[in-house]
Amino acid sequence: MPRSPSDKEKTAPVKRAPASVLKRIDPAALLDAAAFGLVAVDLDERVLALNERLATLIGVQAQDALGLPCVQVLRNRSGVQRCGAGETLESEENVSRTDDLITRDRRRIPVRISVSPLADESGLRIGYLKTVEDLSGPEATDHLLGSSYGFGAVIGRSLCMQRLFSMLPVVAQSDASVLITGETGTGKDLLAEAIHQASDRAKGPFVKINCGALPATLLESELFGHKKGAFTGAVEDRPGRFRMAHRGTLYLTEIGDLPLALQVKLLTFLDDKVVYPLGGTVGHAADVRVVAATHRDLGEMVRRGRFREDLFYRLNVLRLQVPSLREREGDIPLLLDYFLKRHSAELGRPIQGFAPRTLKILLGYDYPGNVRELKNIAEHCAHLCQEKRVQPVHLPAYLTEKPVVRQRPAPAAAEAAVTKGPGPGENGTAPEAWSHIEARLIREALVKARGHRGRAAQIVGCARSTLWRKIKHYGIEV
C-alpha cells in the first residue's frame, strides 16, 4: 500500500526555483512553448512580443510585428479602432470574447480572445497580454461535410467534384502524406486546409510554405530551422516550419520547385520524423502530417532527373487531382453567384446577379486562371457595379475588348501563332494569348503600384510570391 504522508510532510513548504534559474528562462521561448497564440502589448497597444503560434495563424513574421499598433496585426471584425486591450482599462479582471480574426491572405478564422492586464513588480500596469485560441476545429466544417455542394471552403456540384468530395472525409481521417495536383488557381490551397480542418489535427497548427518562393539556403532555414551562428545573420535560434507545425499539418505548396538537396532532407524527415536544424547536431522529434501540392507533372520531372523518385512515391501515398474549371461542367454559374454575393455583401452593395448578356460572356470564357481568375472577375464586378445586375461594361476589359473562345489553342498552334504573327480575326487581329494578357496586367499593376510588389500583387489578385515568380517567368523589368 502507498505510504500516507506525515503531518510534517503535509505542512512542508513547496520548493520554488531560485530567482537565478527564473532569470535564465528566455521569455520568447516561454511564449513559443504555449499551445495557443499570445501577444503582449504596451499601454499604447503596440506589440511588444508575439509568439510563433499566433504569427503562423495570421500569416506574419513575429519580428515584423514588433512595435506595430496591435490593431494592424490582430485584425478582426469588432477591433477596427482598438485591439481589444481597452476592454480591461477599467477592470483588473480578464476579459474574454469570440471574434473573427482576419489573416494576411484575408481568410476569417473564428477565435476566442482573452485580454489580461500586465503589471510590474510594484503593481503598476504596464500593458496587456492577449491569448488567441483558434476555434476552427472539425465542428467548423461539419455543416459542409455532408453537403453535396462542398467540403470546407471548396464548393462545386459537377460530377468530377462530387467524386473528389467523396474521397476527402477518408483522406482527412488518415495520417498519411497527401499529394494534391492540379493547374494553377484550381483551389489546391483551400483543399489542403479543408483536409486539415476535418482531421484529428484540426486543433493543431496549419503551417504553409511556398517551396518556390525562397532561395535554397533560406528555404532550408525556414523549413528545418537554424541554430544561432549557423550563417551570417543567424543571431538567434529559429525552430523552422516543421517544428512550428508540431501536432498539426505542414502544407508544402509548389513542391515541384523544391531543390534536389532539400528533397533528400525532406525524405529523411518523412522516414524518421526528426528535424535537424541548420548548424545543429541534435535532432528534434516533430509530429507532423505533410500535405504537398504542385501544378507540375512530377512523374515527368522524375523521368528527367529533376525530382527524386523515392520522394515522389513517399509523398504520393494519397493522391488528389483537382480538376480545372473547364472540366467542371455546371460549376461556373454556381461559383459566379457565390463569389458575387460574397463580395457584394462585404461591400454593402445590393447586387442581385448578372445580366443575361454578361452571363453569356462569362459562360463562354475559358478561364485559364481557373477558380482564382473567376473569383477575381466577380470581385472586380462587385467593386464597379452600381446597379442591381452586373452589365458587360462592369466586366474586366480583357473579356470584352477582344473575342474570347471556349477552347484553348493546342501548344503547337499557339507557338506557330507567336512565330508567324497574328492571323485575321473579327477586327483584323487575333485574340490575344493569355500569357500576353497576364504579362500586360502585371506590368500595369507594377506601374500603378510604383514598383511596390506587395501592392501590385493585391491589384493583380495573387500572392506576392506568385507575382515574383511570374515576373521572372515573363522577364519583366522592375
Protein backbone atom coordinates (compact mmCIF):
# COMPACT_ATOMS: atom_id res chain seq x y z
CA MET A 1 0.00 0.00 0.00
CA PRO A 2 1.28 3.51 -0.69
CA ARG A 3 2.61 5.33 2.38
CA SER A 4 0.40 8.20 3.59
CA PRO A 5 2.23 11.50 4.07
CA SER A 6 3.10 12.58 7.60
CA ASP A 7 1.88 15.84 9.15
CA LYS A 8 5.36 17.28 8.70
CA GLU A 9 5.33 16.38 5.02
CA LYS A 10 1.85 17.87 4.60
CA THR A 11 2.94 21.21 6.04
CA ALA A 12 6.34 21.29 4.30
CA PRO A 13 6.62 24.37 2.06
CA VAL A 14 6.65 23.86 -1.69
CA LYS A 15 10.15 24.24 -3.08
CA ARG A 16 10.46 27.07 -5.59
CA ALA A 17 13.04 27.59 -8.25
CA PRO A 18 15.68 30.15 -7.22
CA ALA A 19 15.46 33.58 -8.83
CA SER A 20 18.70 32.90 -10.72
CA VAL A 21 17.05 30.00 -12.54
CA LEU A 22 13.98 32.06 -13.44
CA LYS A 23 16.18 34.81 -14.85
CA ARG A 24 17.76 32.30 -17.23
CA ILE A 25 14.40 31.47 -18.83
CA ASP A 26 14.09 33.02 -22.29
CA PRO A 27 10.73 34.93 -22.40
CA ALA A 28 10.45 34.37 -26.17
CA ALA A 29 10.93 30.61 -25.75
CA LEU A 30 8.31 30.63 -22.98
CA LEU A 31 5.79 32.32 -25.28
CA ASP A 32 6.57 29.94 -28.15
CA ALA A 33 6.02 26.92 -25.89
CA ALA A 34 2.33 27.84 -25.48
CA ALA A 35 -0.21 25.78 -27.41
CA PHE A 36 -2.19 28.90 -28.35
CA GLY A 37 -1.49 32.36 -29.72
CA LEU A 38 -0.03 35.01 -27.42
CA VAL A 39 0.68 38.71 -27.93
CA ALA A 40 1.90 41.26 -25.38
CA VAL A 41 1.16 44.97 -25.93
CA ASP A 42 2.09 48.14 -24.07
CA LEU A 43 -0.33 50.78 -22.79
CA ASP A 44 -0.36 52.39 -26.24
CA GLU A 45 -1.39 48.98 -27.65
CA ARG A 46 1.81 48.48 -29.61
CA VAL A 47 3.14 44.94 -29.94
CA LEU A 48 5.93 44.06 -27.51
CA ALA A 49 6.08 40.31 -28.22
CA LEU A 50 4.29 37.80 -30.45
CA ASN A 51 4.70 34.04 -30.27
CA GLU A 52 5.24 31.79 -33.29
CA ARG A 53 1.86 30.07 -32.94
CA LEU A 54 -0.02 33.35 -33.41
CA ALA A 55 2.38 34.53 -36.14
CA THR A 56 1.69 31.31 -38.06
CA LEU A 57 -2.07 31.65 -37.58
CA ILE A 58 -2.28 35.18 -39.02
CA GLY A 59 0.49 34.71 -41.61
CA VAL A 60 3.14 37.20 -40.44
CA GLN A 61 6.74 37.08 -39.24
CA ALA A 62 6.88 37.65 -35.48
CA GLN A 63 9.80 40.09 -35.78
CA ASP A 64 7.93 42.19 -38.37
CA ALA A 65 5.04 42.77 -35.95
CA LEU A 66 7.13 44.27 -33.13
CA GLY A 67 6.34 47.93 -32.49
CA LEU A 68 3.26 47.97 -34.75
CA PRO A 69 -0.16 49.01 -33.44
CA CYS A 70 -1.93 45.86 -32.31
CA VAL A 71 -4.96 46.68 -34.46
CA GLN A 72 -2.76 46.35 -37.58
CA VAL A 73 -1.56 42.90 -36.51
CA LEU A 74 -4.72 41.38 -35.00
CA ARG A 75 -7.33 42.48 -37.50
CA ASN A 76 -10.85 41.41 -36.54
CA ARG A 77 -14.43 42.41 -37.20
CA SER A 78 -15.01 44.22 -33.92
CA GLY A 79 -11.47 45.52 -33.39
CA VAL A 80 -11.38 48.22 -36.05
CA GLN A 81 -10.50 51.06 -33.64
CA ARG A 82 -8.92 49.10 -30.77
CA CYS A 83 -7.08 45.83 -30.44
CA GLY A 84 -9.26 44.83 -27.51
CA ALA A 85 -6.98 45.81 -24.64
CA GLY A 86 -9.16 48.82 -23.93
CA GLU A 87 -11.83 46.48 -22.61
CA THR A 88 -9.73 45.97 -19.45
CA LEU A 89 -8.90 49.64 -18.85
CA GLU A 90 -11.49 49.94 -16.07
CA SER A 91 -11.11 46.39 -14.76
CA GLU A 92 -8.40 44.29 -13.13
CA GLU A 93 -10.05 41.08 -14.35
CA ASN A 94 -9.62 39.12 -17.56
CA VAL A 95 -11.96 39.84 -20.45
CA SER A 96 -12.84 37.11 -22.96
CA ARG A 97 -14.86 37.18 -26.18
CA THR A 98 -15.19 35.39 -29.51
CA ASP A 99 -14.46 37.09 -32.81
CA ASP A 100 -13.34 36.51 -36.40
CA LEU A 101 -9.64 37.08 -36.99
CA ILE A 102 -8.70 38.28 -40.49
CA THR A 103 -5.45 36.72 -41.72
CA ARG A 104 -2.90 38.20 -44.10
CA ASP A 105 -4.49 36.35 -47.03
CA ARG A 106 -7.92 37.72 -46.00
CA ARG A 107 -9.31 34.50 -44.52
CA ARG A 108 -11.60 34.73 -41.50
CA ILE A 109 -10.79 32.42 -38.60
CA PRO A 110 -13.13 32.11 -35.58
CA VAL A 111 -11.14 32.68 -32.38
CA ARG A 112 -11.59 33.23 -28.66
CA ILE A 113 -9.62 36.29 -27.49
CA SER A 114 -8.81 36.81 -23.80
CA VAL A 115 -7.20 40.02 -22.51
CA SER A 116 -5.37 40.23 -19.17
CA PRO A 117 -3.62 43.25 -17.61
CA LEU A 118 0.18 43.09 -17.11
CA ALA A 119 1.82 44.76 -14.10
CA ASP A 120 5.40 45.30 -12.97
CA GLU A 121 6.85 44.27 -9.59
CA SER A 122 5.31 47.31 -7.89
CA GLY A 123 1.84 46.52 -9.25
CA LEU A 124 1.82 49.35 -11.78
CA ARG A 125 0.04 48.41 -15.01
CA ILE A 126 2.46 48.34 -17.94
CA GLY A 127 0.47 46.62 -20.68
CA TYR A 128 -1.77 43.70 -21.61
CA LEU A 129 -1.43 40.04 -22.56
CA LYS A 130 -3.83 38.68 -25.18
CA THR A 131 -4.38 34.95 -25.74
CA VAL A 132 -5.87 33.85 -29.06
CA GLU A 133 -7.42 30.37 -29.33
CA ASP A 134 -8.27 29.02 -32.78
CA LEU A 135 -11.86 27.73 -32.77
CA SER A 136 -11.91 26.50 -36.38
CA GLY A 137 -11.87 22.82 -35.48
CA PRO A 138 -13.78 19.95 -37.12
CA GLU A 139 -17.09 21.43 -35.94
CA ALA A 140 -16.46 24.43 -38.20
CA THR A 141 -16.80 22.28 -41.29
CA ASP A 142 -19.35 19.72 -40.07
CA HIS A 143 -22.19 21.51 -41.87
CA LEU A 144 -20.33 21.20 -45.17
CA LEU A 145 -19.05 17.62 -44.88
CA GLY A 146 -22.48 16.25 -45.59
CA SER A 147 -23.28 18.87 -48.20
CA SER A 148 -23.40 17.80 -51.83
CA TYR A 149 -22.02 21.19 -52.86
CA GLY A 150 -18.83 21.46 -50.88
CA PHE A 151 -16.14 20.41 -48.47
CA GLY A 152 -14.76 23.15 -46.25
CA ALA A 153 -14.28 26.28 -48.35
CA VAL A 154 -14.26 24.28 -51.63
CA ILE A 155 -17.61 24.24 -53.44
CA GLY A 156 -18.89 22.56 -56.58
CA ARG A 157 -21.68 20.31 -57.82
CA SER A 158 -20.14 18.88 -61.01
CA LEU A 159 -19.63 15.14 -61.24
CA CYS A 160 -15.83 15.37 -61.04
CA MET A 161 -16.04 17.49 -57.86
CA GLN A 162 -18.57 15.09 -56.35
CA ARG A 163 -16.08 12.26 -56.82
CA LEU A 164 -13.37 14.38 -55.17
CA PHE A 165 -15.60 15.32 -52.22
CA SER A 166 -16.50 11.66 -51.62
CA MET A 167 -12.79 10.85 -51.06
CA LEU A 168 -11.99 13.75 -48.74
CA PRO A 169 -13.51 12.56 -45.41
CA VAL A 170 -11.47 9.35 -45.66
CA VAL A 171 -8.32 11.27 -46.62
CA ALA A 172 -8.86 13.72 -43.74
CA GLN A 173 -9.05 10.97 -41.12
CA SER A 174 -5.85 9.32 -42.36
CA ASP A 175 -2.42 10.46 -41.22
CA ALA A 176 -0.63 9.51 -44.44
CA SER A 177 1.10 12.04 -46.72
CA VAL A 178 -1.12 13.69 -49.35
CA LEU A 179 -0.14 14.95 -52.80
CA ILE A 180 -2.56 17.44 -54.37
CA THR A 181 -2.10 18.12 -58.09
CA GLY A 182 -3.87 20.44 -60.49
CA GLU A 183 -3.48 23.57 -62.57
CA THR A 184 -2.72 26.95 -61.04
CA GLY A 185 -5.79 28.54 -59.45
CA THR A 186 -7.87 25.37 -59.03
CA GLY A 187 -8.09 25.63 -55.23
CA LYS A 188 -5.31 23.34 -54.01
CA ASP A 189 -4.56 25.58 -51.01
CA LEU A 190 -8.21 25.62 -49.88
CA LEU A 191 -8.43 21.86 -50.28
CA ALA A 192 -5.30 21.31 -48.16
CA GLU A 193 -6.67 23.49 -45.36
CA ALA A 194 -10.09 21.83 -45.56
CA ILE A 195 -8.44 18.43 -45.10
CA HIS A 196 -6.58 19.75 -42.05
CA GLN A 197 -9.74 21.24 -40.51
CA ALA A 198 -11.66 17.98 -40.95
CA SER A 199 -8.85 15.87 -39.44
CA ASP A 200 -7.98 14.95 -35.86
CA ARG A 201 -5.16 17.51 -36.11
CA ALA A 202 -7.55 20.46 -36.51
CA LYS A 203 -6.70 21.81 -33.04
CA GLY A 204 -3.04 21.92 -34.07
CA PRO A 205 -1.42 24.48 -36.39
CA PHE A 206 -1.78 24.54 -40.16
CA VAL A 207 1.56 25.84 -41.45
CA LYS A 208 2.05 26.73 -45.11
CA ILE A 209 5.27 27.41 -47.01
CA ASN A 210 5.85 28.00 -50.72
CA CYS A 211 8.83 25.92 -51.87
CA GLY A 212 9.35 28.11 -54.93
CA ALA A 213 9.32 31.49 -53.20
CA LEU A 214 12.73 31.39 -51.49
CA PRO A 215 16.34 30.56 -52.47
CA ALA A 216 17.55 27.10 -51.41
CA THR A 217 19.63 28.36 -48.44
CA LEU A 218 16.80 30.42 -46.97
CA LEU A 219 14.25 27.69 -47.67
CA GLU A 220 16.29 25.15 -45.69
CA SER A 221 16.38 27.51 -42.72
CA GLU A 222 12.65 28.23 -43.00
CA LEU A 223 11.75 24.54 -43.14
CA PHE A 224 14.17 22.96 -40.69
CA GLY A 225 15.20 25.95 -38.56
CA HIS A 226 18.72 27.03 -37.66
CA LYS A 227 20.99 27.47 -34.68
CA LYS A 228 22.46 30.78 -33.63
CA GLY A 229 25.60 31.48 -35.65
CA ALA A 230 24.80 28.88 -38.34
CA PHE A 231 25.27 31.57 -41.01
CA THR A 232 25.69 35.32 -41.31
CA GLY A 233 22.64 36.99 -39.83
CA ALA A 234 21.60 33.99 -37.69
CA VAL A 235 21.53 35.98 -34.44
CA GLU A 236 19.16 33.60 -32.63
CA ASP A 237 17.80 30.07 -32.79
CA ARG A 238 14.79 29.59 -35.09
CA PRO A 239 12.58 26.49 -34.81
CA GLY A 240 11.60 26.17 -38.50
CA ARG A 241 8.23 25.33 -40.03
CA PHE A 242 8.38 21.59 -39.25
CA ARG A 243 8.64 22.23 -35.51
CA MET A 244 6.06 25.04 -35.70
CA ALA A 245 3.64 22.51 -37.24
CA HIS A 246 4.09 20.02 -34.37
CA ARG A 247 0.83 18.07 -33.84
CA GLY A 248 -0.62 19.77 -36.91
CA THR A 249 -0.19 19.87 -40.68
CA LEU A 250 2.65 21.24 -42.79
CA TYR A 251 1.49 22.28 -46.25
CA LEU A 252 4.25 22.39 -48.87
CA THR A 253 2.89 24.24 -51.89
CA GLU A 254 4.83 24.19 -55.19
CA ILE A 255 6.68 21.06 -54.06
CA GLY A 256 7.95 20.66 -57.65
CA ASP A 257 10.20 23.70 -57.08
CA LEU A 258 11.96 22.12 -54.08
CA PRO A 259 15.74 21.89 -54.78
CA LEU A 260 17.21 18.37 -55.03
CA ALA A 261 19.40 18.87 -51.95
CA LEU A 262 16.35 19.66 -49.82
CA GLN A 263 14.41 16.78 -51.35
CA VAL A 264 16.88 14.43 -49.63
CA LYS A 265 16.39 16.17 -46.28
CA LEU A 266 12.60 16.10 -46.66
CA LEU A 267 12.70 12.39 -47.46
CA THR A 268 14.77 11.78 -44.32
CA PHE A 269 12.21 13.60 -42.19
CA LEU A 270 9.31 11.65 -43.70
CA ASP A 271 11.11 8.43 -42.76
CA ASP A 272 12.10 9.20 -39.16
CA LYS A 273 10.04 12.32 -38.19
CA VAL A 274 13.11 14.04 -36.73
CA VAL A 275 14.18 17.60 -37.64
CA TYR A 276 17.86 18.59 -37.72
CA PRO A 277 18.21 22.41 -37.77
CA LEU A 278 20.83 24.10 -39.92
CA GLY A 279 24.08 24.29 -37.95
CA GLY A 280 22.86 21.84 -35.30
CA THR A 281 23.69 18.24 -34.46
CA VAL A 282 20.80 17.41 -32.14
CA GLY A 283 17.54 16.27 -33.72
CA HIS A 284 14.04 17.29 -32.59
CA ALA A 285 11.04 14.99 -32.96
CA ALA A 286 8.08 16.57 -34.76
CA ASP A 287 4.64 15.00 -35.04
CA VAL A 288 3.63 16.49 -38.40
CA ARG A 289 1.42 15.41 -41.27
CA VAL A 290 2.76 16.55 -44.63
CA VAL A 291 0.45 17.70 -47.41
CA ALA A 292 2.16 18.74 -50.66
CA ALA A 293 0.79 20.38 -53.79
CA THR A 294 2.05 21.21 -57.27
CA HIS A 295 0.86 22.24 -60.70
CA ARG A 296 3.80 20.43 -62.30
CA ASP A 297 3.94 16.88 -63.68
CA LEU A 298 6.10 15.22 -61.03
CA GLY A 299 6.19 11.94 -62.95
CA GLU A 300 7.79 13.71 -65.92
CA MET A 301 10.19 15.53 -63.56
CA VAL A 302 11.24 12.16 -62.13
CA ARG A 303 12.00 10.87 -65.64
CA ARG A 304 14.12 13.96 -66.32
CA GLY A 305 16.02 13.60 -63.05
CA ARG A 306 14.66 16.85 -61.58
CA PHE A 307 12.67 15.19 -58.78
CA ARG A 308 13.66 12.21 -56.65
CA GLU A 309 11.70 9.08 -57.42
CA ASP A 310 11.78 7.84 -53.80
CA LEU A 311 10.40 11.17 -52.53
CA PHE A 312 7.69 11.12 -55.20
CA TYR A 313 6.47 7.71 -54.02
CA ARG A 314 6.76 8.79 -50.37
CA LEU A 315 4.53 11.83 -50.97
CA ASN A 316 2.19 10.09 -53.39
CA VAL A 317 0.55 7.88 -50.72
CA LEU A 318 -2.80 9.63 -51.15
CA ARG A 319 -3.21 11.46 -54.46
CA LEU A 320 -5.88 14.09 -55.13
CA GLN A 321 -6.25 15.59 -58.62
CA VAL A 322 -8.16 18.88 -58.55
CA PRO A 323 -9.97 19.34 -61.89
CA SER A 324 -9.61 22.53 -63.90
CA LEU A 325 -12.63 24.81 -64.19
CA ARG A 326 -13.03 23.75 -67.83
CA GLU A 327 -13.72 20.20 -66.65
CA ARG A 328 -16.27 21.24 -64.01
CA GLU A 329 -19.45 21.27 -66.07
CA GLY A 330 -22.16 23.36 -64.43
CA ASP A 331 -19.92 24.83 -61.71
CA ILE A 332 -19.21 28.19 -63.36
CA PRO A 333 -22.71 29.69 -62.69
CA LEU A 334 -22.60 28.36 -59.13
CA LEU A 335 -19.18 29.89 -58.45
CA LEU A 336 -20.00 33.20 -60.13
CA ASP A 337 -23.13 33.55 -57.99
CA TYR A 338 -21.27 32.52 -54.81
CA PHE A 339 -18.36 34.95 -55.20
CA LEU A 340 -20.52 37.84 -56.41
CA LYS A 341 -22.82 37.50 -53.39
CA ARG A 342 -19.86 37.26 -51.02
CA HIS A 343 -18.02 40.31 -52.35
CA SER A 344 -21.14 42.44 -52.79
CA ALA A 345 -22.13 41.66 -49.17
CA GLU A 346 -18.66 42.71 -47.98
CA LEU A 347 -19.02 45.99 -49.88
CA GLY A 348 -22.62 46.55 -48.83
CA ARG A 349 -23.85 46.53 -52.45
CA PRO A 350 -27.39 45.22 -53.22
CA ILE A 351 -26.30 43.39 -56.40
CA GLN A 352 -28.79 40.70 -57.38
CA GLY A 353 -26.80 38.88 -60.05
CA PHE A 354 -25.53 39.01 -63.63
CA ALA A 355 -27.48 40.37 -66.58
CA PRO A 356 -28.15 37.73 -69.31
CA ARG A 357 -25.65 39.31 -71.78
CA THR A 358 -22.98 39.40 -69.06
CA LEU A 359 -23.60 35.80 -68.09
CA LYS A 360 -23.33 34.73 -71.74
CA ILE A 361 -19.86 36.31 -71.96
CA LEU A 362 -18.75 34.69 -68.71
CA LEU A 363 -20.06 31.24 -69.63
CA GLY A 364 -18.25 31.42 -72.98
CA TYR A 365 -14.88 32.27 -71.44
CA ASP A 366 -12.14 29.65 -71.00
CA TYR A 367 -10.82 30.68 -67.53
CA PRO A 368 -7.15 29.76 -67.97
CA GLY A 369 -6.61 31.07 -64.42
CA ASN A 370 -9.33 28.70 -63.14
CA VAL A 371 -11.29 29.48 -59.95
CA ARG A 372 -8.81 32.15 -58.84
CA GLU A 373 -9.42 34.11 -62.04
CA LEU A 374 -13.19 33.65 -61.78
CA LYS A 375 -13.12 34.92 -58.19
CA ASN A 376 -11.13 37.99 -59.23
CA ILE A 377 -13.60 38.71 -62.04
CA ALA A 378 -16.53 38.51 -59.59
CA GLU A 379 -14.73 40.81 -57.14
CA HIS A 380 -13.96 43.26 -59.96
CA CYS A 381 -17.66 43.34 -60.89
CA ALA A 382 -18.75 43.83 -57.27
CA HIS A 383 -16.50 46.88 -56.97
CA LEU A 384 -17.59 48.52 -60.22
CA CYS A 385 -21.28 47.66 -60.42
CA GLN A 386 -23.64 50.39 -59.13
CA GLU A 387 -26.78 48.71 -60.46
CA LYS A 388 -28.89 45.75 -59.42
CA ARG A 389 -27.36 43.48 -62.06
CA VAL A 390 -23.85 43.29 -63.46
CA GLN A 391 -23.69 44.57 -67.04
CA PRO A 392 -20.97 43.81 -69.64
CA VAL A 393 -19.46 47.25 -69.01
CA HIS A 394 -18.63 46.15 -65.46
CA LEU A 395 -16.52 43.21 -66.64
CA PRO A 396 -12.70 43.40 -66.86
CA ALA A 397 -11.70 44.97 -70.17
CA TYR A 398 -9.92 41.88 -71.50
CA LEU A 399 -13.21 39.95 -71.52
CA THR A 400 -14.96 42.40 -73.84
CA GLU A 401 -12.24 44.12 -75.86
CA LYS A 402 -11.33 41.04 -77.90
CA PRO A 403 -13.17 37.82 -78.77
CA VAL A 404 -12.73 35.04 -76.24
CA VAL A 405 -13.12 31.38 -77.11
CA ARG A 406 -14.07 28.33 -75.11
CA GLN A 407 -11.19 26.12 -76.20
CA ARG A 408 -7.50 26.90 -75.81
CA PRO A 409 -5.27 26.50 -78.88
CA ALA A 410 -3.00 23.47 -78.92
CA PRO A 411 0.58 24.21 -77.76
CA ALA A 412 1.96 23.77 -81.29
CA ALA A 413 -0.68 26.09 -82.73
CA ALA A 414 -0.01 28.68 -80.06
CA GLU A 415 3.73 28.54 -80.78
CA ALA A 416 3.09 28.93 -84.50
CA ALA A 417 0.87 31.93 -83.84
CA VAL A 418 3.66 33.61 -81.90
CA THR A 419 6.24 32.77 -84.58
CA LYS A 420 4.21 33.76 -87.64
CA GLY A 421 2.36 36.70 -86.11
CA PRO A 422 -1.40 37.18 -85.62
CA GLY A 423 -3.87 35.91 -88.16
CA PRO A 424 -7.02 37.70 -89.20
CA GLY A 425 -9.78 37.95 -86.64
CA GLU A 426 -13.05 39.78 -86.41
CA ASN A 427 -11.27 43.15 -86.37
CA GLY A 428 -8.30 42.06 -88.43
CA THR A 429 -6.41 40.89 -85.32
CA ALA A 430 -6.15 37.57 -83.49
CA PRO A 431 -7.37 37.09 -79.92
CA GLU A 432 -4.56 37.99 -77.52
CA ALA A 433 -2.87 34.96 -75.90
CA TRP A 434 -3.46 34.65 -72.14
CA SER A 435 0.28 34.81 -71.43
CA HIS A 436 0.44 38.21 -73.18
CA ILE A 437 -2.63 39.42 -71.30
CA GLU A 438 -1.23 38.27 -67.95
CA ALA A 439 2.16 39.89 -68.60
CA ARG A 440 0.43 43.14 -69.60
CA LEU A 441 -1.75 43.10 -66.47
CA ILE A 442 1.31 42.57 -64.27
CA ARG A 443 3.16 45.46 -65.94
CA GLU A 444 0.14 47.74 -65.49
CA ALA A 445 -0.18 46.73 -61.83
CA LEU A 446 3.51 47.44 -61.21
CA VAL A 447 3.13 50.88 -62.77
CA LYS A 448 0.07 51.66 -60.63
CA ALA A 449 1.89 50.41 -57.52
CA ARG A 450 5.04 52.38 -58.48
CA GLY A 451 7.12 49.21 -58.40
CA HIS A 452 5.89 48.01 -54.98
CA ARG A 453 5.42 44.26 -55.44
CA GLY A 454 3.12 43.78 -52.45
CA ARG A 455 0.62 46.37 -53.71
CA ALA A 456 0.98 45.08 -57.28
CA ALA A 457 0.13 41.56 -56.08
CA GLN A 458 -3.04 42.92 -54.42
CA ILE A 459 -4.04 44.67 -57.65
CA VAL A 460 -3.49 41.53 -59.74
CA GLY A 461 -5.16 39.36 -57.09
CA CYS A 462 -2.40 36.86 -56.34
CA ALA A 463 0.16 36.11 -53.65
CA ARG A 464 3.36 38.15 -53.62
CA SER A 465 5.46 35.01 -54.21
CA THR A 466 3.31 34.10 -57.23
CA LEU A 467 3.75 37.59 -58.66
CA TRP A 468 7.53 37.39 -58.20
CA ARG A 469 7.62 34.02 -59.97
CA LYS A 470 5.59 35.38 -62.90
CA ILE A 471 7.79 38.49 -63.13
CA LYS A 472 10.80 36.21 -63.55
CA HIS A 473 8.91 33.95 -65.97
CA TYR A 474 7.91 36.81 -68.28
CA GLY A 475 11.21 38.66 -67.89
CA ILE A 476 9.52 41.83 -66.66
CA GLU A 477 11.91 44.54 -65.50
CA VAL A 478 11.04 46.05 -62.12
